[in-house]
Amino acid sequence: MMLELYTSAFCGPCHAARAVVAEARALVPSLVVDEADVAARPDQAERRDVRSTPTLVVTRDDGEVVFRSPGVPTLDRLLGALALAV
């Protein structure tokens, strides 16, 4: 499973999203996280239709999106989404 975290440099909520992702990563060691700054990787953000930061996208190994969340999710919500990707 893969978690894509779309952020921007001056985004206050992005710091909170990073903290939630770090907690999830500590609990799910197999989780692969790709943080993408939308200014540095605009094509990737556009392909995922990212309209705001932070945005999290969880995909299965086959690339199917199972969860998408603009804003900062709770840890419980993110862990539930990760369970869908297994």
PDB file of N, CA and C in Angstrom:
ATOM      1  N   MET A   1       0.843  -1.176   0.000  1.00  0.00           N
ATOM      2  CA  MET A   1       0.000   0.000   0.000  1.00  0.00           C
ATOM      3  C   MET A   1       0.882   1.231   0.000  1.00  0.00           C
ATOM      4  N   MET A   2       0.329   2.295  -0.552  1.00  0.00           N
ATOM      5  CA  MET A   2       1.063   3.551  -0.689  1.00  0.00           C
ATOM      6  C   MET A   2       0.190   4.686  -0.191  1.00  0.00           C
ATOM      7  N   LEU A   3       0.796   5.598   0.527  1.00  0.00           N
ATOM      8  CA  LEU A   3       0.115   6.808   0.953  1.00  0.00           C
ATOM      9  C   LEU A   3       0.819   7.977   0.284  1.00  0.00           C
ATOM     10  N   GLU A   4       0.082   8.719  -0.506  1.00  0.00           N
ATOM     11  CA  GLU A   4       0.608   9.933  -1.126  1.00  0.00           C
ATOM     12  C   GLU A   4       0.103  11.111  -0.307  1.00  0.00           C
ATOM     13  N   LEU A   5       1.027  11.942   0.149  1.00  0.00           N
ATOM     14  CA  LEU A   5       0.686  13.123   0.938  1.00  0.00           C
ATOM     15  C   LEU A   5       1.078  14.348   0.127  1.00  0.00           C
ATOM     16  N   TYR A   6       0.071  15.110  -0.289  1.00  0.00           N
ATOM     17  CA  TYR A   6       0.306  16.319  -1.082  1.00  0.00           C
ATOM     18  C   TYR A   6       0.314  17.516  -0.146  1.00  0.00           C
ATOM     19  N   THR A   7       1.406  18.285  -0.201  1.00  0.00           N
ATOM     20  CA  THR A   7       1.606  19.402   0.706  1.00  0.00           C
ATOM     21  C   THR A   7       2.060  20.635  -0.073  1.00  0.00           C
ATOM     22  N   SER A   8       2.150  21.739   0.647  1.00  0.00           N
ATOM     23  CA  SER A   8       2.753  22.954   0.105  1.00  0.00           C
ATOM     24  C   SER A   8       3.578  23.604   1.207  1.00  0.00           C
ATOM     25  N   ALA A   9       4.498  24.446   0.813  1.00  0.00           N
ATOM     26  CA  ALA A   9       5.489  24.992   1.733  1.00  0.00           C
ATOM     27  C   ALA A   9       4.893  25.797   2.893  1.00  0.00           C
ATOM     28  N   PHE A  10       3.878  26.578   2.623  1.00  0.00           N
ATOM     29  CA  PHE A  10       3.354  27.475   3.654  1.00  0.00           C
ATOM     30  C   PHE A  10       2.000  27.028   4.176  1.00  0.00           C
ATOM     31  N   CYS A  11       1.829  25.737   4.288  1.00  0.00           N
ATOM     32  CA  CYS A  11       0.553  25.145   4.685  1.00  0.00           C
ATOM     33  C   CYS A  11       0.622  24.713   6.151  1.00  0.00           C
ATOM     34  N   GLY A  12      -0.077  25.432   7.023  1.00  0.00           N
ATOM     35  CA  GLY A  12      -0.105  25.072   8.440  1.00  0.00           C
ATOM     36  C   GLY A  12      -0.689  23.694   8.696  1.00  0.00           C
ATOM     37  N   PRO A  13      -1.847  23.364   8.112  1.00  0.00           N
ATOM     38  CA  PRO A  13      -2.423  22.040   8.335  1.00  0.00           C
ATOM     39  C   PRO A  13      -1.538  20.894   7.817  1.00  0.00           C
ATOM     40  N   CYS A  14      -0.636  21.193   6.884  1.00  0.00           N
ATOM     41  CA  CYS A  14       0.259  20.143   6.369  1.00  0.00           C
ATOM     42  C   CYS A  14       1.137  19.580   7.482  1.00  0.00           C
ATOM     43  N   HIS A  15       1.531  20.430   8.431  1.00  0.00           N
ATOM     44  CA  HIS A  15       2.341  19.954   9.554  1.00  0.00           C
ATOM     45  C   HIS A  15       1.546  18.950  10.389  1.00  0.00           C
ATOM     46  N   ALA A  16       0.274  19.242  10.626  1.00  0.00           N
ATOM     47  CA  ALA A  16      -0.575  18.324  11.385  1.00  0.00           C
ATOM     48  C   ALA A  16      -0.779  17.017  10.619  1.00  0.00           C
ATOM     49  N   ALA A  17      -0.948  17.105   9.300  1.00  0.00           N
ATOM     50  CA  ALA A  17      -1.117  15.896   8.479  1.00  0.00           C
ATOM     51  C   ALA A  17       0.149  15.046   8.531  1.00  0.00           C
ATOM     52  N   ARG A  18       1.307  15.677   8.469  1.00  0.00           N
ATOM     53  CA  ARG A  18       2.570  14.935   8.565  1.00  0.00           C
ATOM     54  C   ARG A  18       2.654  14.181   9.892  1.00  0.00           C
ATOM     55  N   ALA A  19       2.198  14.803  10.970  1.00  0.00           N
ATOM     56  CA  ALA A  19       2.241  14.161  12.291  1.00  0.00           C
ATOM     57  C   ALA A  19       1.339  12.930  12.327  1.00  0.00           C
ATOM     58  N   VAL A  20       0.144  13.041  11.748  1.00  0.00           N
ATOM     59  CA  VAL A  20      -0.774  11.891  11.704  1.00  0.00           C
ATOM     60  C   VAL A  20      -0.172  10.778  10.854  1.00  0.00           C
ATOM     61  N   VAL A  21       0.417  11.144   9.729  1.00  0.00           N
ATOM     62  CA  VAL A  21       1.048  10.145   8.853  1.00  0.00           C
ATOM     63  C   VAL A  21       2.219   9.475   9.573  1.00  0.00           C
ATOM     64  N   ALA A  22       2.992  10.237  10.324  1.00  0.00           N
ATOM     65  CA  ALA A  22       4.115   9.657  11.077  1.00  0.00           C
ATOM     66  C   ALA A  22       3.617   8.658  12.117  1.00  0.00           C
ATOM     67  N   GLU A  23       2.524   8.975  12.790  1.00  0.00           N
ATOM     68  CA  GLU A  23       1.940   8.035  13.753  1.00  0.00           C
ATOM     69  C   GLU A  23       1.490   6.757  13.057  1.00  0.00           C
ATOM     70  N   ALA A  24       0.834   6.898  11.918  1.00  0.00           N
ATOM     71  CA  ALA A  24       0.366   5.729  11.167  1.00  0.00           C
ATOM     72  C   ALA A  24       1.549   4.898  10.697  1.00  0.00           C
ATOM     73  N   ARG A  25       2.581   5.561  10.248  1.00  0.00           N
ATOM     74  CA  ARG A  25       3.778   4.858   9.773  1.00  0.00           C
ATOM     75  C   ARG A  25       4.440   4.061  10.903  1.00  0.00           C
ATOM     76  N   ALA A  26       4.413   4.597  12.108  1.00  0.00           N
ATOM     77  CA  ALA A  26       4.979   3.884  13.253  1.00  0.00           C
ATOM     78  C   ALA A  26       4.174   2.625  13.571  1.00  0.00           C
ATOM     79  N   LEU A  27       2.869   2.680  13.330  1.00  0.00           N
ATOM     80  CA  LEU A  27       1.999   1.532  13.612  1.00  0.00           C
ATOM     81  C   LEU A  27       1.930   0.540  12.452  1.00  0.00           C
ATOM     82  N   VAL A  28       2.209   1.004  11.251  1.00  0.00           N
ATOM     83  CA  VAL A  28       2.136   0.156  10.049  1.00  0.00           C
ATOM     84  C   VAL A  28       3.483   0.264   9.319  1.00  0.00           C
ATOM     85  N   PRO A  29       4.473  -0.509   9.768  1.00  0.00           N
ATOM     86  CA  PRO A  29       5.822  -0.381   9.207  1.00  0.00           C
ATOM     87  C   PRO A  29       5.910  -0.634   7.696  1.00  0.00           C
ATOM     88  N   SER A  30       4.973  -1.373   7.139  1.00  0.00           N
ATOM     89  CA  SER A  30       5.020  -1.657   5.699  1.00  0.00           C
ATOM     90  C   SER A  30       4.484  -0.495   4.856  1.00  0.00           C
ATOM     91  N   LEU A  31       3.970   0.530   5.502  1.00  0.00           N
ATOM     92  CA  LEU A  31       3.398   1.668   4.788  1.00  0.00           C
ATOM     93  C   LEU A  31       4.492   2.442   4.062  1.00  0.00           C
ATOM     94  N   VAL A  32       4.280   2.658   2.774  1.00  0.00           N
ATOM     95  CA  VAL A  32       5.181   3.474   1.964  1.00  0.00           C
ATOM     96  C   VAL A  32       4.523   4.845   1.815  1.00  0.00           C
ATOM     97  N   VAL A  33       5.278   5.890   2.147  1.00  0.00           N
ATOM     98  CA  VAL A  33       4.746   7.250   2.082  1.00  0.00           C
ATOM     99  C   VAL A  33       5.542   8.047   1.061  1.00  0.00           C
ATOM    100  N   ASP A  34       4.816   8.735   0.195  1.00  0.00           N
ATOM    101  CA  ASP A  34       5.434   9.627  -0.778  1.00  0.00           C
ATOM    102  C   ASP A  34       4.847  11.011  -0.539  1.00  0.00           C
ATOM    103  N   GLU A  35       5.657  11.921  -0.001  1.00  0.00           N
ATOM    104  CA  GLU A  35       5.200  13.295   0.192  1.00  0.00           C
ATOM    105  C   GLU A  35       5.580  14.107  -1.034  1.00  0.00           C
ATOM    106  N   ALA A  36       4.608  14.766  -1.613  1.00  0.00           N
ATOM    107  CA  ALA A  36       4.828  15.555  -2.823  1.00  0.00           C
ATOM    108  C   ALA A  36       4.406  16.996  -2.598  1.00  0.00           C
ATOM    109  N   ASP A  37       5.353  17.907  -2.722  1.00  0.00           N
ATOM    110  CA  ASP A  37       5.035  19.328  -2.685  1.00  0.00           C
ATOM    111  C   ASP A  37       4.384  19.664  -4.023  1.00  0.00           C
ATOM    112  N   VAL A  38       3.199  20.234  -3.973  1.00  0.00           N
ATOM    113  CA  VAL A  38       2.455  20.491  -5.213  1.00  0.00           C
ATOM    114  C   VAL A  38       3.170  21.480  -6.133  1.00  0.00           C
ATOM    115  N   ALA A  39       3.990  22.356  -5.582  1.00  0.00           N
ATOM    116  CA  ALA A  39       4.738  23.291  -6.420  1.00  0.00           C
ATOM    117  C   ALA A  39       5.897  22.592  -7.124  1.00  0.00           C
ATOM    118  N   ALA A  40       6.469  21.584  -6.470  1.00  0.00           N
ATOM    119  CA  ALA A  40       7.595  20.856  -7.049  1.00  0.00           C
ATOM    120  C   ALA A  40       7.152  19.766  -8.009  1.00  0.00           C
ATOM    121  N   ARG A  41       5.961  19.217  -7.782  1.00  0.00           N
ATOM    122  CA  ARG A  41       5.457  18.130  -8.628  1.00  0.00           C
ATOM    123  C   ARG A  41       4.023  18.426  -9.092  1.00  0.00           C
ATOM    124  N   PRO A  42       3.844  19.507  -9.839  1.00  0.00           N
ATOM    125  CA  PRO A  42       2.485  19.893 -10.235  1.00  0.00           C
ATOM    126  C   PRO A  42       1.792  18.863 -11.122  1.00  0.00           C
ATOM    127  N   ASP A  43       2.538  18.166 -11.976  1.00  0.00           N
ATOM    128  CA  ASP A  43       1.915  17.171 -12.857  1.00  0.00           C
ATOM    129  C   ASP A  43       1.312  16.028 -12.054  1.00  0.00           C
ATOM    130  N   GLN A  44       2.048  15.574 -11.040  1.00  0.00           N
ATOM    131  CA  GLN A  44       1.543  14.487 -10.189  1.00  0.00           C
ATOM    132  C   GLN A  44       0.298  14.939  -9.439  1.00  0.00           C
ATOM    133  N   ALA A  45       0.336  16.150  -8.895  1.00  0.00           N
ATOM    134  CA  ALA A  45      -0.817  16.682  -8.169  1.00  0.00           C
ATOM    135  C   ALA A  45      -2.022  16.838  -9.097  1.00  0.00           C
ATOM    136  N   GLU A  46      -1.779  17.268 -10.318  1.00  0.00           N
ATOM    137  CA  GLU A  46      -2.872  17.428 -11.273  1.00  0.00           C
ATOM    138  C   GLU A  46      -3.478  16.074 -11.647  1.00  0.00           C
ATOM    139  N   ARG A  47      -2.638  15.058 -11.840  1.00  0.00           N
ATOM    140  CA  ARG A  47      -3.151  13.718 -12.166  1.00  0.00           C
ATOM    141  C   ARG A  47      -4.059  13.188 -11.067  1.00  0.00           C
ATOM    142  N   ARG A  48      -3.767  13.541  -9.815  1.00  0.00           N
ATOM    143  CA  ARG A  48      -4.580  13.105  -8.680  1.00  0.00           C
ATOM    144  C   ARG A  48      -5.703  14.088  -8.379  1.00  0.00           C
ATOM    145  N   ASP A  49      -5.827  15.144  -9.168  1.00  0.00           N
ATOM    146  CA  ASP A  49      -6.866  16.157  -8.995  1.00  0.00           C
ATOM    147  C   ASP A  49      -6.815  16.785  -7.600  1.00  0.00           C
ATOM    148  N   VAL A  50      -5.614  17.096  -7.146  1.00  0.00           N
ATOM    149  CA  VAL A  50      -5.420  17.725  -5.831  1.00  0.00           C
ATOM    150  C   VAL A  50      -5.784  19.201  -5.963  1.00  0.00           C
ATOM    151  N   ARG A  51      -6.760  19.619  -5.162  1.00  0.00           N
ATOM    152  CA  ARG A  51      -7.264  20.997  -5.195  1.00  0.00           C
ATOM    153  C   ARG A  51      -6.858  21.810  -3.976  1.00  0.00           C
ATOM    154  N   SER A  52      -6.435  21.107  -2.906  1.00  0.00           N
ATOM    155  CA  SER A  52      -6.032  21.802  -1.689  1.00  0.00           C
ATOM    156  C   SER A  52      -4.980  20.971  -0.974  1.00  0.00           C
ATOM    157  N   THR A  53      -4.260  21.624  -0.089  1.00  0.00           N
ATOM    158  CA  THR A  53      -3.271  20.912   0.717  1.00  0.00           C
ATOM    159  C   THR A  53      -3.613  21.085   2.182  1.00  0.00           C
ATOM    160  N   PRO A  54      -3.385  20.051   2.965  1.00  0.00           N
ATOM    161  CA  PRO A  54      -2.895  18.735   2.565  1.00  0.00           C
ATOM    162  C   PRO A  54      -4.006  17.888   1.950  1.00  0.00           C
ATOM    163  N   THR A  55      -3.613  16.970   1.101  1.00  0.00           N
ATOM    164  CA  THR A  55      -4.498  15.937   0.577  1.00  0.00           C
ATOM    165  C   THR A  55      -3.769  14.608   0.699  1.00  0.00           C
ATOM    166  N   LEU A  56      -4.462  13.608   1.220  1.00  0.00           N
ATOM    167  CA  LEU A  56      -3.902  12.262   1.331  1.00  0.00           C
ATOM    168  C   LEU A  56      -4.629  11.342   0.367  1.00  0.00           C
ATOM    169  N   VAL A  57      -3.862  10.485  -0.298  1.00  0.00           N
ATOM    170  CA  VAL A  57      -4.421   9.494  -1.207  1.00  0.00           C
ATOM    171  C   VAL A  57      -3.779   8.154  -0.842  1.00  0.00           C
ATOM    172  N   VAL A  58      -4.618   7.167  -0.538  1.00  0.00           N
ATOM    173  CA  VAL A  58      -4.127   5.824  -0.207  1.00  0.00           C
ATOM    174  C   VAL A  58      -4.479   4.900  -1.366  1.00  0.00           C
ATOM    175  N   THR A  59      -3.472   4.155  -1.841  1.00  0.00           N
ATOM    176  CA  THR A  59      -3.692   3.225  -2.937  1.00  0.00           C
ATOM    177  C   THR A  59      -3.253   1.820  -2.540  1.00  0.00           C
ATOM    178  N   ARG A  60      -3.901   0.858  -3.180  1.00  0.00           N
ATOM    179  CA  ARG A  60      -3.466  -0.529  -3.049  1.00  0.00           C
ATOM    180  C   ARG A  60      -2.208  -0.707  -3.889  1.00  0.00           C
ATOM    181  N   ASP A  61      -1.581  -1.867  -3.760  1.00  0.00           N
ATOM    182  CA  ASP A  61      -0.376  -2.156  -4.531  1.00  0.00           C
ATOM    183  C   ASP A  61      -0.632  -2.115  -6.033  1.00  0.00           C
ATOM    184  N   ASP A  62      -1.870  -2.379  -6.454  1.00  0.00           N
ATOM    185  CA  ASP A  62      -2.196  -2.351  -7.881  1.00  0.00           C
ATOM    186  C   ASP A  62      -2.527  -0.941  -8.381  1.00  0.00           C
ATOM    187  N   GLY A  63      -2.453   0.061  -7.496  1.00  0.00           N
ATOM    188  CA  GLY A  63      -2.689   1.441  -7.878  1.00  0.00           C
ATOM    189  C   GLY A  63      -4.101   1.940  -7.668  1.00  0.00           C
ATOM    190  N   GLU A  64      -5.015   1.039  -7.287  1.00  0.00           N
ATOM    191  CA  GLU A  64      -6.402   1.454  -7.060  1.00  0.00           C
ATOM    192  C   GLU A  64      -6.493   2.357  -5.828  1.00  0.00           C
ATOM    193  N   VAL A  65      -7.139   3.511  -5.999  1.00  0.00           N
ATOM    194  CA  VAL A  65      -7.329   4.449  -4.888  1.00  0.00           C
ATOM    195  C   VAL A  65      -8.444   3.919  -3.990  1.00  0.00           C
ATOM    196  N   VAL A  66      -8.148   3.770  -2.700  1.00  0.00           N
ATOM    197  CA  VAL A  66      -9.157   3.292  -1.752  1.00  0.00           C
ATOM    198  C   VAL A  66      -9.568   4.372  -0.750  1.00  0.00           C
ATOM    199  N   PHE A  67      -8.824   5.472  -0.719  1.00  0.00           N
ATOM    200  CA  PHE A  67      -9.122   6.535   0.242  1.00  0.00           C
ATOM    201  C   PHE A  67      -8.520   7.829  -0.261  1.00  0.00           C
ATOM    202  N   ARG A  68      -9.272   8.886  -0.079  1.00  0.00           N
ATOM    203  CA  ARG A  68      -8.807  10.217  -0.452  1.00  0.00           C
ATOM    204  C   ARG A  68      -9.354  11.180   0.586  1.00  0.00           C
ATOM    205  N   SER A  69      -8.493  12.048   1.109  1.00  0.00           N
ATOM    206  CA  SER A  69      -8.942  12.971   2.133  1.00  0.00           C
ATOM    207  C   SER A  69      -8.252  14.318   1.997  1.00  0.00           C
ATOM    208  N   PRO A  70      -9.012  15.349   1.618  1.00  0.00           N
ATOM    209  CA  PRO A  70      -8.443  16.688   1.739  1.00  0.00           C
ATOM    210  C   PRO A  70      -8.487  17.074   3.214  1.00  0.00           C
ATOM    211  N   GLY A  71      -7.486  17.782   3.663  1.00  0.00           N
ATOM    212  CA  GLY A  71      -7.446  18.179   5.071  1.00  0.00           C
ATOM    213  C   GLY A  71      -6.693  17.170   5.909  1.00  0.00           C
ATOM    214  N   VAL A  72      -6.808  17.320   7.211  1.00  0.00           N
ATOM    215  CA  VAL A  72      -6.071  16.484   8.158  1.00  0.00           C
ATOM    216  C   VAL A  72      -7.003  15.400   8.706  1.00  0.00           C
ATOM    217  N   PRO A  73      -6.731  14.146   8.383  1.00  0.00           N
ATOM    218  CA  PRO A  73      -7.589  13.076   8.917  1.00  0.00           C
ATOM    219  C   PRO A  73      -7.196  12.750  10.353  1.00  0.00           C
ATOM    220  N   THR A  74      -8.109  12.131  11.070  1.00  0.00           N
ATOM    221  CA  THR A  74      -7.738  11.609  12.388  1.00  0.00           C
ATOM    222  C   THR A  74      -6.910  10.346  12.167  1.00  0.00           C
ATOM    223  N   LEU A  75      -6.174   9.955  13.180  1.00  0.00           N
ATOM    224  CA  LEU A  75      -5.384   8.729  13.085  1.00  0.00           C
ATOM    225  C   LEU A  75      -6.294   7.531  12.869  1.00  0.00           C
ATOM    226  N   ASP A  76      -7.425   7.478  13.584  1.00  0.00           N
ATOM    227  CA  ASP A  76      -8.360   6.353  13.421  1.00  0.00           C
ATOM    228  C   ASP A  76      -8.886   6.264  11.995  1.00  0.00           C
ATOM    229  N   ARG A  77      -9.221   7.399  11.418  1.00  0.00           N
ATOM    230  CA  ARG A  77      -9.746   7.405  10.041  1.00  0.00           C
ATOM    231  C   ARG A  77      -8.666   6.941   9.059  1.00  0.00           C
ATOM    232  N   LEU A  78      -7.440   7.399   9.261  1.00  0.00           N
ATOM    233  CA  LEU A  78      -6.352   7.002   8.367  1.00  0.00           C
ATOM    234  C   LEU A  78      -6.046   5.517   8.504  1.00  0.00           C
ATOM    235  N   LEU A  79      -6.033   5.002   9.729  1.00  0.00           N
ATOM    236  CA  LEU A  79      -5.788   3.569   9.920  1.00  0.00           C
ATOM    237  C   LEU A  79      -6.895   2.731   9.289  1.00  0.00           C
ATOM    238  N   GLY A  80      -8.121   3.195   9.377  1.00  0.00           N
ATOM    239  CA  GLY A  80      -9.234   2.500   8.725  1.00  0.00           C
ATOM    240  C   GLY A  80      -9.056   2.470   7.210  1.00  0.00           C
ATOM    241  N   ALA A  81      -8.583   3.572   6.657  1.00  0.00           N
ATOM    242  CA  ALA A  81      -8.336   3.645   5.217  1.00  0.00           C
ATOM    243  C   ALA A  81      -7.206   2.706   4.811  1.00  0.00           C
ATOM    244  N   LEU A  82      -6.177   2.632   5.632  1.00  0.00           N
ATOM    245  CA  LEU A  82      -5.061   1.740   5.336  1.00  0.00           C
ATOM    246  C   LEU A  82      -5.521   0.279   5.363  1.00  0.00           C
ATOM    247  N   ALA A  83      -6.453  -0.037   6.253  1.00  0.00           N
ATOM    248  CA  ALA A  83      -6.986  -1.408   6.320  1.00  0.00           C
ATOM    249  C   ALA A  83      -7.707  -1.767   5.019  1.00  0.00           C
ATOM    250  N   LEU A  84      -8.312  -0.792   4.359  1.00  0.00           N
ATOM    251  CA  LEU A  84      -8.984  -1.031   3.085  1.00  0.00           C
ATOM    252  C   LEU A  84      -8.001  -1.362   1.965  1.00  0.00           C
ATOM    253  N   ALA A  85      -6.765  -0.912   2.137  1.00  0.00           N
ATOM    254  CA  ALA A  85      -5.753  -1.089   1.090  1.00  0.00           C
ATOM    255  C   ALA A  85      -5.069  -2.446   1.150  1.00  0.00           C
ATOM    256  N   VAL A  86      -5.300  -3.173   2.203  1.00  0.00           N
ATOM    257  CA  VAL A  86      -4.610  -4.465   2.362  1.00  0.00           C
ATOM    258  C   VAL A  86      -5.280  -5.543   1.534  1.00  0.00           C
TER     259      VAL A  86
END
